[in-house]
Amino acid sequence: MNDVFLKELNSSLKDFNITLKQLRLTEKFTQKQVSEAIGITYQSYQAYELGIALPTLENFIKLCAFFEITPNEILNIK
């Protein structure tokens, strides 16, 4: 893979929790609403926003679908 892409992806993953929280607040959802919509516990979702954990690929795709955005958009990859 391209080194520039990998650096950008690594940086995006570091900011994933911030982007996720901004998306949720912009759409005026609670953490509980998002967690229920994608089928995970509130605590798991909360860990995503706190930057303690990253979602599984399956949950990442569910988050993209829930917020109706592409993976590139949620990771801020141009």
PDB file of N, CA and C in Angstrom:
ATOM      1  N   MET A   1       0.832  -1.189   0.000  1.00  0.00           N
ATOM      2  CA  MET A   1       0.000   0.000   0.000  1.00  0.00           C
ATOM      3  C   MET A   1       0.869   1.243   0.000  1.00  0.00           C
ATOM      4  N   ASN A   2       0.284   2.302  -0.435  1.00  0.00           N
ATOM      5  CA  ASN A   2       0.945   3.586  -0.502  1.00  0.00           C
ATOM      6  C   ASN A   2       1.209   4.102   0.920  1.00  0.00           C
ATOM      7  N   ASP A   3       2.446   4.525   1.195  1.00  0.00           N
ATOM      8  CA  ASP A   3       2.808   5.031   2.524  1.00  0.00           C
ATOM      9  C   ASP A   3       1.996   6.256   2.920  1.00  0.00           C
ATOM     10  N   VAL A   4       1.711   7.130   1.967  1.00  0.00           N
ATOM     11  CA  VAL A   4       0.927   8.334   2.249  1.00  0.00           C
ATOM     12  C   VAL A   4      -0.484   7.943   2.684  1.00  0.00           C
ATOM     13  N   PHE A   5      -1.071   6.966   1.992  1.00  0.00           N
ATOM     14  CA  PHE A   5      -2.408   6.498   2.350  1.00  0.00           C
ATOM     15  C   PHE A   5      -2.411   5.919   3.760  1.00  0.00           C
ATOM     16  N   LEU A   6      -1.405   5.107   4.092  1.00  0.00           N
ATOM     17  CA  LEU A   6      -1.345   4.495   5.414  1.00  0.00           C
ATOM     18  C   LEU A   6      -1.183   5.538   6.510  1.00  0.00           C
ATOM     19  N   LYS A   7      -0.389   6.571   6.274  1.00  0.00           N
ATOM     20  CA  LYS A   7      -0.231   7.650   7.260  1.00  0.00           C
ATOM     21  C   LYS A   7      -1.549   8.398   7.439  1.00  0.00           C
ATOM     22  N   GLU A   8      -2.242   8.651   6.331  1.00  0.00           N
ATOM     23  CA  GLU A   8      -3.523   9.348   6.399  1.00  0.00           C
ATOM     24  C   GLU A   8      -4.555   8.500   7.135  1.00  0.00           C
ATOM     25  N   LEU A   9      -4.577   7.213   6.857  1.00  0.00           N
ATOM     26  CA  LEU A   9      -5.505   6.306   7.526  1.00  0.00           C
ATOM     27  C   LEU A   9      -5.218   6.247   9.017  1.00  0.00           C
ATOM     28  N   ASN A  10      -3.971   6.143   9.396  1.00  0.00           N
ATOM     29  CA  ASN A  10      -3.594   6.102  10.813  1.00  0.00           C
ATOM     30  C   ASN A  10      -4.028   7.375  11.522  1.00  0.00           C
ATOM     31  N   SER A  11      -3.819   8.507  10.885  1.00  0.00           N
ATOM     32  CA  SER A  11      -4.242   9.782  11.448  1.00  0.00           C
ATOM     33  C   SER A  11      -5.765   9.844  11.572  1.00  0.00           C
ATOM     34  N   SER A  12      -6.458   9.331  10.567  1.00  0.00           N
ATOM     35  CA  SER A  12      -7.921   9.332  10.577  1.00  0.00           C
ATOM     36  C   SER A  12      -8.476   8.468  11.694  1.00  0.00           C
ATOM     37  N   LEU A  13      -7.834   7.336  11.944  1.00  0.00           N
ATOM     38  CA  LEU A  13      -8.292   6.457  13.016  1.00  0.00           C
ATOM     39  C   LEU A  13      -8.121   7.115  14.378  1.00  0.00           C
ATOM     40  N   LYS A  14      -7.073   7.925  14.518  1.00  0.00           N
ATOM     41  CA  LYS A  14      -6.864   8.648  15.769  1.00  0.00           C
ATOM     42  C   LYS A  14      -7.988   9.652  16.014  1.00  0.00           C
ATOM     43  N   ASP A  15      -8.529  10.227  14.948  1.00  0.00           N
ATOM     44  CA  ASP A  15      -9.588  11.237  15.062  1.00  0.00           C
ATOM     45  C   ASP A  15     -10.984  10.653  14.884  1.00  0.00           C
ATOM     46  N   PHE A  16     -11.082   9.342  14.707  1.00  0.00           N
ATOM     47  CA  PHE A  16     -12.375   8.705  14.464  1.00  0.00           C
ATOM     48  C   PHE A  16     -13.384   9.042  15.554  1.00  0.00           C
ATOM     49  N   ASN A  17     -12.951   8.959  16.807  1.00  0.00           N
ATOM     50  CA  ASN A  17     -13.878   9.220  17.902  1.00  0.00           C
ATOM     51  C   ASN A  17     -14.425  10.645  17.863  1.00  0.00           C
ATOM     52  N   ILE A  18     -13.601  11.588  17.500  1.00  0.00           N
ATOM     53  CA  ILE A  18     -14.037  12.987  17.428  1.00  0.00           C
ATOM     54  C   ILE A  18     -15.050  13.165  16.304  1.00  0.00           C
ATOM     55  N   THR A  19     -14.751  12.602  15.152  1.00  0.00           N
ATOM     56  CA  THR A  19     -15.660  12.691  14.007  1.00  0.00           C
ATOM     57  C   THR A  19     -16.991  12.023  14.317  1.00  0.00           C
ATOM     58  N   LEU A  20     -16.933  10.862  14.962  1.00  0.00           N
ATOM     59  CA  LEU A  20     -18.144  10.131  15.303  1.00  0.00           C
ATOM     60  C   LEU A  20     -19.028  10.956  16.239  1.00  0.00           C
ATOM     61  N   LYS A  21     -18.434  11.553  17.238  1.00  0.00           N
ATOM     62  CA  LYS A  21     -19.202  12.378  18.172  1.00  0.00           C
ATOM     63  C   LYS A  21     -19.800  13.597  17.465  1.00  0.00           C
ATOM     64  N   GLN A  22     -19.027  14.234  16.599  1.00  0.00           N
ATOM     65  CA  GLN A  22     -19.530  15.389  15.859  1.00  0.00           C
ATOM     66  C   GLN A  22     -20.715  15.006  14.985  1.00  0.00           C
ATOM     67  N   LEU A  23     -20.624  13.860  14.327  1.00  0.00           N
ATOM     68  CA  LEU A  23     -21.735  13.382  13.494  1.00  0.00           C
ATOM     69  C   LEU A  23     -22.992  13.188  14.333  1.00  0.00           C
ATOM     70  N   ARG A  24     -22.824  12.527  15.463  1.00  0.00           N
ATOM     71  CA  ARG A  24     -23.967  12.246  16.327  1.00  0.00           C
ATOM     72  C   ARG A  24     -24.612  13.530  16.835  1.00  0.00           C
ATOM     73  N   LEU A  25     -23.789  14.464  17.278  1.00  0.00           N
ATOM     74  CA  LEU A  25     -24.325  15.720  17.800  1.00  0.00           C
ATOM     75  C   LEU A  25     -24.987  16.554  16.706  1.00  0.00           C
ATOM     76  N   THR A  26     -24.396  16.556  15.526  1.00  0.00           N
ATOM     77  CA  THR A  26     -24.977  17.302  14.398  1.00  0.00           C
ATOM     78  C   THR A  26     -26.355  16.764  14.054  1.00  0.00           C
ATOM     79  N   GLU A  27     -26.501  15.448  14.106  1.00  0.00           N
ATOM     80  CA  GLU A  27     -27.782  14.810  13.775  1.00  0.00           C
ATOM     81  C   GLU A  27     -28.729  14.754  14.976  1.00  0.00           C
ATOM     82  N   LYS A  28     -28.255  15.230  16.131  1.00  0.00           N
ATOM     83  CA  LYS A  28     -29.055  15.299  17.361  1.00  0.00           C
ATOM     84  C   LYS A  28     -29.542  13.937  17.854  1.00  0.00           C
ATOM     85  N   PHE A  29     -28.626  12.968  17.826  1.00  0.00           N
ATOM     86  CA  PHE A  29     -28.910  11.647  18.372  1.00  0.00           C
ATOM     87  C   PHE A  29     -28.195  11.503  19.703  1.00  0.00           C
ATOM     88  N   THR A  30     -28.749  10.666  20.565  1.00  0.00           N
ATOM     89  CA  THR A  30     -28.049  10.319  21.804  1.00  0.00           C
ATOM     90  C   THR A  30     -27.162   9.107  21.513  1.00  0.00           C
ATOM     91  N   GLN A  31     -26.215   8.875  22.398  1.00  0.00           N
ATOM     92  CA  GLN A  31     -25.378   7.683  22.253  1.00  0.00           C
ATOM     93  C   GLN A  31     -26.241   6.426  22.311  1.00  0.00           C
ATOM     94  N   LYS A  32     -27.238   6.439  23.169  1.00  0.00           N
ATOM     95  CA  LYS A  32     -28.124   5.283  23.297  1.00  0.00           C
ATOM     96  C   LYS A  32     -28.882   5.027  22.002  1.00  0.00           C
ATOM     97  N   GLN A  33     -29.361   6.077  21.341  1.00  0.00           N
ATOM     98  CA  GLN A  33     -30.088   5.913  20.082  1.00  0.00           C
ATOM     99  C   GLN A  33     -29.206   5.283  19.009  1.00  0.00           C
ATOM    100  N   VAL A  34     -27.985   5.759  18.898  1.00  0.00           N
ATOM    101  CA  VAL A  34     -27.068   5.219  17.887  1.00  0.00           C
ATOM    102  C   VAL A  34     -26.727   3.770  18.214  1.00  0.00           C
ATOM    103  N   SER A  35     -26.426   3.503  19.477  1.00  0.00           N
ATOM    104  CA  SER A  35     -26.050   2.129  19.848  1.00  0.00           C
ATOM    105  C   SER A  35     -27.195   1.159  19.582  1.00  0.00           C
ATOM    106  N   GLU A  36     -28.409   1.551  19.909  1.00  0.00           N
ATOM    107  CA  GLU A  36     -29.564   0.682  19.654  1.00  0.00           C
ATOM    108  C   GLU A  36     -29.784   0.479  18.156  1.00  0.00           C
ATOM    109  N   ALA A  37     -29.593   1.525  17.379  1.00  0.00           N
ATOM    110  CA  ALA A  37     -29.826   1.449  15.931  1.00  0.00           C
ATOM    111  C   ALA A  37     -28.856   0.494  15.241  1.00  0.00           C
ATOM    112  N   ILE A  38     -27.624   0.426  15.753  1.00  0.00           N
ATOM    113  CA  ILE A  38     -26.655  -0.470  15.102  1.00  0.00           C
ATOM    114  C   ILE A  38     -26.496  -1.800  15.839  1.00  0.00           C
ATOM    115  N   GLY A  39     -27.225  -1.961  16.932  1.00  0.00           N
ATOM    116  CA  GLY A  39     -27.257  -3.247  17.608  1.00  0.00           C
ATOM    117  C   GLY A  39     -26.087  -3.566  18.516  1.00  0.00           C
ATOM    118  N   ILE A  40     -25.584  -2.532  19.204  1.00  0.00           N
ATOM    119  CA  ILE A  40     -24.503  -2.756  20.167  1.00  0.00           C
ATOM    120  C   ILE A  40     -24.914  -2.158  21.506  1.00  0.00           C
ATOM    121  N   THR A  41     -24.136  -2.445  22.540  1.00  0.00           N
ATOM    122  CA  THR A  41     -24.441  -1.877  23.845  1.00  0.00           C
ATOM    123  C   THR A  41     -24.067  -0.396  23.869  1.00  0.00           C
ATOM    124  N   TYR A  42     -24.722   0.300  24.754  1.00  0.00           N
ATOM    125  CA  TYR A  42     -24.415   1.718  24.959  1.00  0.00           C
ATOM    126  C   TYR A  42     -22.946   1.890  25.340  1.00  0.00           C
ATOM    127  N   GLN A  43     -22.458   0.996  26.189  1.00  0.00           N
ATOM    128  CA  GLN A  43     -21.071   1.088  26.650  1.00  0.00           C
ATOM    129  C   GLN A  43     -20.072   0.897  25.506  1.00  0.00           C
ATOM    130  N   SER A  44     -20.391   0.021  24.575  1.00  0.00           N
ATOM    131  CA  SER A  44     -19.510  -0.179  23.419  1.00  0.00           C
ATOM    132  C   SER A  44     -19.456   1.081  22.568  1.00  0.00           C
ATOM    133  N   TYR A  45     -20.625   1.659  22.324  1.00  0.00           N
ATOM    134  CA  TYR A  45     -20.650   2.885  21.523  1.00  0.00           C
ATOM    135  C   TYR A  45     -19.911   4.006  22.247  1.00  0.00           C
ATOM    136  N   GLN A  46     -20.143   4.113  23.527  1.00  0.00           N
ATOM    137  CA  GLN A  46     -19.481   5.147  24.316  1.00  0.00           C
ATOM    138  C   GLN A  46     -17.956   5.003  24.219  1.00  0.00           C
ATOM    139  N   ALA A  47     -17.476   3.772  24.214  1.00  0.00           N
ATOM    140  CA  ALA A  47     -16.036   3.523  24.091  1.00  0.00           C
ATOM    141  C   ALA A  47     -15.507   4.009  22.741  1.00  0.00           C
ATOM    142  N   TYR A  48     -16.313   3.913  21.691  1.00  0.00           N
ATOM    143  CA  TYR A  48     -15.906   4.439  20.378  1.00  0.00           C
ATOM    144  C   TYR A  48     -15.695   5.951  20.469  1.00  0.00           C
ATOM    145  N   GLU A  49     -16.659   6.643  21.067  1.00  0.00           N
ATOM    146  CA  GLU A  49     -16.562   8.108  21.146  1.00  0.00           C
ATOM    147  C   GLU A  49     -15.452   8.568  22.090  1.00  0.00           C
ATOM    148  N   LEU A  50     -15.159   7.765  23.093  1.00  0.00           N
ATOM    149  CA  LEU A  50     -14.087   8.120  24.027  1.00  0.00           C
ATOM    150  C   LEU A  50     -12.710   7.776  23.477  1.00  0.00           C
ATOM    151  N   GLY A  51     -12.672   7.056  22.361  1.00  0.00           N
ATOM    152  CA  GLY A  51     -11.398   6.677  21.765  1.00  0.00           C
ATOM    153  C   GLY A  51     -10.747   5.498  22.462  1.00  0.00           C
ATOM    154  N   ILE A  52     -11.528   4.777  23.264  1.00  0.00           N
ATOM    155  CA  ILE A  52     -11.018   3.612  23.985  1.00  0.00           C
ATOM    156  C   ILE A  52     -11.002   2.393  23.080  1.00  0.00           C
ATOM    157  N   ALA A  53     -11.958   2.338  22.153  1.00  0.00           N
ATOM    158  CA  ALA A  53     -12.088   1.181  21.259  1.00  0.00           C
ATOM    159  C   ALA A  53     -12.471   1.646  19.864  1.00  0.00           C
ATOM    160  N   LEU A  54     -12.158   0.806  18.897  1.00  0.00           N
ATOM    161  CA  LEU A  54     -12.602   1.029  17.524  1.00  0.00           C
ATOM    162  C   LEU A  54     -13.659  -0.020  17.196  1.00  0.00           C
ATOM    163  N   PRO A  55     -14.613   0.330  16.354  1.00  0.00           N
ATOM    164  CA  PRO A  55     -15.649  -0.645  16.006  1.00  0.00           C
ATOM    165  C   PRO A  55     -15.091  -1.778  15.148  1.00  0.00           C
ATOM    166  N   THR A  56     -15.774  -2.908  15.213  1.00  0.00           N
ATOM    167  CA  THR A  56     -15.458  -3.992  14.281  1.00  0.00           C
ATOM    168  C   THR A  56     -15.802  -3.491  12.889  1.00  0.00           C
ATOM    169  N   LEU A  57     -15.334  -4.192  11.879  1.00  0.00           N
ATOM    170  CA  LEU A  57     -15.657  -3.806  10.510  1.00  0.00           C
ATOM    171  C   LEU A  57     -17.166  -3.793  10.308  1.00  0.00           C
ATOM    172  N   GLU A  58     -17.846  -4.801  10.837  1.00  0.00           N
ATOM    173  CA  GLU A  58     -19.300  -4.877  10.703  1.00  0.00           C
ATOM    174  C   GLU A  58     -19.978  -3.653  11.340  1.00  0.00           C
ATOM    175  N   ASN A  59     -19.553  -3.273  12.529  1.00  0.00           N
ATOM    176  CA  ASN A  59     -20.150  -2.120  13.192  1.00  0.00           C
ATOM    177  C   ASN A  59     -19.757  -0.805  12.518  1.00  0.00           C
ATOM    178  N   PHE A  60     -18.551  -0.767  11.965  1.00  0.00           N
ATOM    179  CA  PHE A  60     -18.122   0.412  11.217  1.00  0.00           C
ATOM    180  C   PHE A  60     -19.041   0.636  10.007  1.00  0.00           C
ATOM    181  N   ILE A  61     -19.339  -0.442   9.305  1.00  0.00           N
ATOM    182  CA  ILE A  61     -20.241  -0.352   8.150  1.00  0.00           C
ATOM    183  C   ILE A  61     -21.640   0.068   8.601  1.00  0.00           C
ATOM    184  N   LYS A  62     -22.087  -0.470   9.723  1.00  0.00           N
ATOM    185  CA  LYS A  62     -23.401  -0.084  10.258  1.00  0.00           C
ATOM    186  C   LYS A  62     -23.442   1.396  10.627  1.00  0.00           C
ATOM    187  N   LEU A  63     -22.355   1.894  11.185  1.00  0.00           N
ATOM    188  CA  LEU A  63     -22.289   3.322  11.521  1.00  0.00           C
ATOM    189  C   LEU A  63     -22.363   4.188  10.264  1.00  0.00           C
ATOM    190  N   CYS A  64     -21.629   3.788   9.240  1.00  0.00           N
ATOM    191  CA  CYS A  64     -21.670   4.528   7.973  1.00  0.00           C
ATOM    192  C   CYS A  64     -23.090   4.542   7.413  1.00  0.00           C
ATOM    193  N   ALA A  65     -23.746   3.397   7.445  1.00  0.00           N
ATOM    194  CA  ALA A  65     -25.117   3.303   6.936  1.00  0.00           C
ATOM    195  C   ALA A  65     -26.060   4.142   7.790  1.00  0.00           C
ATOM    196  N   PHE A  66     -25.904   4.082   9.096  1.00  0.00           N
ATOM    197  CA  PHE A  66     -26.779   4.844   9.995  1.00  0.00           C
ATOM    198  C   PHE A  66     -26.669   6.338   9.720  1.00  0.00           C
ATOM    199  N   PHE A  67     -25.452   6.832   9.593  1.00  0.00           N
ATOM    200  CA  PHE A  67     -25.246   8.264   9.354  1.00  0.00           C
ATOM    201  C   PHE A  67     -25.323   8.640   7.874  1.00  0.00           C
ATOM    202  N   GLU A  68     -25.540   7.625   7.032  1.00  0.00           N
ATOM    203  CA  GLU A  68     -25.652   7.817   5.585  1.00  0.00           C
ATOM    204  C   GLU A  68     -24.441   8.552   5.005  1.00  0.00           C
ATOM    205  N   ILE A  69     -23.255   8.027   5.350  1.00  0.00           N
ATOM    206  CA  ILE A  69     -22.007   8.584   4.834  1.00  0.00           C
ATOM    207  C   ILE A  69     -21.107   7.443   4.376  1.00  0.00           C
ATOM    208  N   THR A  70     -20.112   7.778   3.593  1.00  0.00           N
ATOM    209  CA  THR A  70     -19.165   6.782   3.110  1.00  0.00           C
ATOM    210  C   THR A  70     -18.074   6.557   4.163  1.00  0.00           C
ATOM    211  N   PRO A  71     -17.380   5.424   4.081  1.00  0.00           N
ATOM    212  CA  PRO A  71     -16.250   5.209   4.988  1.00  0.00           C
ATOM    213  C   PRO A  71     -15.212   6.333   4.887  1.00  0.00           C
ATOM    214  N   ASN A  72     -14.961   6.812   3.698  1.00  0.00           N
ATOM    215  CA  ASN A  72     -13.993   7.909   3.531  1.00  0.00           C
ATOM    216  C   ASN A  72     -14.444   9.154   4.275  1.00  0.00           C
ATOM    217  N   GLU A  73     -15.731   9.416   4.247  1.00  0.00           N
ATOM    218  CA  GLU A  73     -16.241  10.603   4.929  1.00  0.00           C
ATOM    219  C   GLU A  73     -16.093  10.486   6.458  1.00  0.00           C
ATOM    220  N   ILE A  74     -16.418   9.322   7.007  1.00  0.00           N
ATOM    221  CA  ILE A  74     -16.319   9.162   8.457  1.00  0.00           C
ATOM    222  C   ILE A  74     -14.868   9.146   8.930  1.00  0.00           C
ATOM    223  N   LEU A  75     -13.958   8.760   8.029  1.00  0.00           N
ATOM    224  CA  LEU A  75     -12.527   8.760   8.363  1.00  0.00           C
ATOM    225  C   LEU A  75     -11.815  10.022   7.870  1.00  0.00           C
ATOM    226  N   ASN A  76     -12.554  10.928   7.257  1.00  0.00           N
ATOM    227  CA  ASN A  76     -11.984  12.181   6.732  1.00  0.00           C
ATOM    228  C   ASN A  76     -10.843  11.929   5.763  1.00  0.00           C
ATOM    229  N   ILE A  77     -11.019  10.932   4.898  1.00  0.00           N
ATOM    230  CA  ILE A  77     -10.021  10.626   3.868  1.00  0.00           C
ATOM    231  C   ILE A  77     -10.465  11.258   2.566  1.00  0.00           C
ATOM    232  N   LYS A  78      -9.595  12.010   1.982  1.00  0.00           N
ATOM    233  CA  LYS A  78      -9.921  12.710   0.726  1.00  0.00           C
ATOM    234  C   LYS A  78      -9.601  11.825  -0.461  1.00  0.00           C
TER     235      LYS A  78
END
